[in-house]
Protein backbone atom coordinates (compact mmCIF):
# COMPACT_ATOMS: atom_id res chain seq x y z
CA UNK A 1 24.68 1.73 20.02
CA UNK A 2 26.93 0.68 17.17
CA UNK A 3 27.73 3.19 14.47
CA UNK A 4 27.28 1.61 11.03
CA UNK A 5 30.17 1.61 8.58
CA UNK A 6 30.02 3.95 5.59
CA UNK A 7 29.01 1.09 3.30
CA UNK A 8 26.27 -0.03 5.68
CA UNK A 9 24.98 3.53 6.01
CA UNK A 10 24.85 3.85 2.20
CA UNK A 11 22.82 0.63 2.02
CA UNK A 12 20.41 1.81 4.73
CA UNK A 13 19.96 5.18 3.01
CA UNK A 14 19.31 3.46 -0.32
CA UNK A 15 16.72 1.15 1.24
CA UNK A 16 14.97 4.08 2.96
CA UNK A 17 14.78 5.98 -0.32
CA UNK A 18 13.40 2.91 -2.10
CA UNK A 19 10.70 2.45 0.56
CA UNK A 20 9.79 6.15 0.45
CA UNK A 21 9.51 5.94 -3.34
CA UNK A 22 7.36 2.79 -3.19
CA UNK A 23 5.02 4.29 -0.57
CA UNK A 24 4.67 7.51 -2.56
CA UNK A 25 3.88 5.52 -5.71
CA UNK A 26 1.20 3.50 -3.90
CA UNK A 27 -0.29 6.73 -2.57
CA UNK A 28 -0.40 8.28 -6.06
CA UNK A 29 -2.05 5.13 -7.43
CA UNK A 30 -4.62 5.12 -4.62
CA UNK A 31 -3.39 1.85 -3.18
CA UNK A 32 -3.07 1.12 0.52
CA UNK A 33 0.17 -0.02 2.12
CA UNK A 34 1.03 -2.26 5.05
CA UNK A 35 3.60 -0.83 7.47
CA UNK A 36 4.94 -1.89 10.87
CA UNK A 37 3.98 0.53 13.65
CA UNK A 38 4.05 0.12 17.44
CA UNK A 39 4.92 -3.55 17.12
CA UNK A 40 1.97 -4.38 14.83
CA UNK A 41 1.24 -4.31 11.10
CA UNK A 42 -0.91 -1.31 10.12
CA UNK A 43 -2.89 -0.71 6.93
CA UNK A 44 -2.58 2.87 5.70
CA UNK A 45 -4.24 4.64 2.81
CA UNK A 46 -7.71 5.72 1.80
CA UNK A 47 -8.66 2.32 0.38
CA UNK A 48 -7.26 0.29 3.29
CA UNK A 49 -9.65 -2.34 4.62
CA UNK A 50 -11.33 -1.23 7.85
CA UNK A 51 -10.86 -4.63 9.49
CA UNK A 52 -7.73 -6.69 9.19
CA UNK A 53 -8.16 -10.21 7.88
CA UNK A 54 -7.21 -12.87 10.42
CA UNK A 55 -4.55 -15.25 9.21
CA UNK A 56 -4.82 -18.98 10.01
């Protein structure tokens, strides 16, 4: 496994913080979010649709 450079690690950390902040905001607003989990998109949150909509 390659070790990222300091600049790359800073960018990754910044992106992780931004995603955490966005997910927390959606949670506070009562909005669901779409995340990638186990190789598939997942809808999370109390108001998430129970069935995913099929895309054409």
